[in-house]
Protein backbone atom coordinates (compact mmCIF):
# COMPACT_ATOMS: atom_id res chain seq x y z
CA MET A 1 -23.89 -28.92 1.03
CA ILE A 2 -21.18 -27.24 -0.99
CA ASN A 3 -22.36 -24.06 -2.69
CA ASN A 4 -19.23 -22.93 -4.44
CA ASN A 5 -18.90 -24.32 -7.98
CA ASN A 6 -15.12 -24.21 -7.87
CA GLN A 7 -15.05 -26.29 -4.69
CA LEU A 8 -17.54 -28.71 -6.17
CA ASN A 9 -15.45 -29.11 -9.33
CA LYS A 10 -12.33 -29.79 -7.26
CA LEU A 11 -14.19 -32.32 -5.14
CA TYR A 12 -15.59 -34.05 -8.24
CA ASP A 13 -12.14 -34.26 -9.86
CA LYS A 14 -10.52 -35.57 -6.68
CA GLU A 15 -13.18 -38.17 -5.99
CA ILE A 16 -13.49 -39.48 -9.54
CA ARG A 17 -9.73 -39.92 -9.75
CA LYS A 18 -9.75 -41.83 -6.49
CA GLU A 19 -12.61 -44.07 -7.60
CA CYS A 20 -11.62 -44.78 -11.22
CA ILE A 21 -7.81 -44.49 -11.35
CA HIS A 22 -7.43 -48.27 -11.37
CA TYR A 23 -9.57 -48.64 -14.49
CA GLU A 24 -7.82 -45.74 -16.19
CA LYS A 25 -4.39 -47.29 -15.60
CA ILE A 26 -5.55 -50.65 -16.98
CA ALA A 27 -6.92 -48.99 -20.12
CA GLU A 28 -3.78 -46.88 -20.62
CA SER A 29 -1.55 -49.91 -20.11
CA CYS A 30 -3.54 -51.95 -22.62
CA LEU A 31 -3.41 -49.18 -25.21
CA LYS A 32 0.35 -48.86 -24.80
CA GLU A 33 0.86 -52.59 -24.99
CA PHE A 34 -1.30 -53.02 -28.10
CA PHE A 35 -0.19 -49.89 -29.97
CA GLU A 36 -3.36 -47.85 -29.39
CA ASP A 37 -5.64 -50.60 -30.73
CA ARG A 38 -9.01 -49.58 -29.28
CA PHE A 39 -10.70 -52.76 -30.46
CA VAL A 40 -8.33 -55.01 -28.52
CA CYS A 41 -8.63 -52.79 -25.44
CA SER A 42 -12.37 -52.17 -25.68
CA ILE A 43 -13.16 -54.13 -22.50
CA ALA A 44 -10.67 -52.11 -20.46
CA ILE A 45 -11.84 -48.84 -21.99
CA ASN A 46 -15.50 -49.70 -21.40
CA SER A 47 -14.75 -50.60 -17.78
CA PHE A 48 -13.22 -47.17 -17.29
CA TYR A 49 -16.25 -45.47 -18.90
CA GLU A 50 -18.62 -47.53 -16.73
CA CYS A 51 -16.73 -46.47 -13.62
CA THR A 52 -16.93 -42.79 -14.54
CA ASP A 53 -20.63 -43.08 -15.40
CA LYS A 54 -21.44 -44.80 -12.10
CA PHE A 55 -19.41 -42.24 -10.18
CA ASP A 56 -21.13 -39.37 -11.96
CA LYS A 57 -24.57 -40.73 -11.09
CA LYS A 58 -23.63 -41.23 -7.42
CA PHE A 59 -22.09 -37.77 -7.24
CA ARG A 60 -25.17 -36.13 -8.74
CA ILE A 61 -27.47 -37.94 -6.35
CA LYS A 62 -25.33 -36.90 -3.39
CA TYR A 63 -24.85 -33.21 -4.29
CA PHE A 64 -27.81 -32.46 -6.57
CA PRO A 65 -30.65 -34.68 -5.31
CA LYS A 66 -33.43 -32.48 -6.71
CA ASN A 67 -31.93 -32.36 -10.22
CA VAL A 68 -31.36 -36.09 -10.67
CA GLN A 69 -33.73 -37.82 -13.03
């Protein structure tokens, strides 16, 4: 188990990028293509948010099993 907060933050940042970069790129591309119209790109944006939420839950279960609700 990693005890150092700085190491844990770096690991979190690295892993979430690896897991959700595809969804982020799709959302960014959509926003560029449709002139920042969030309504048109809502599916892509929501997919990115879902990915980050799922990752966050998995990460918390893995590294903070006692604190997960």
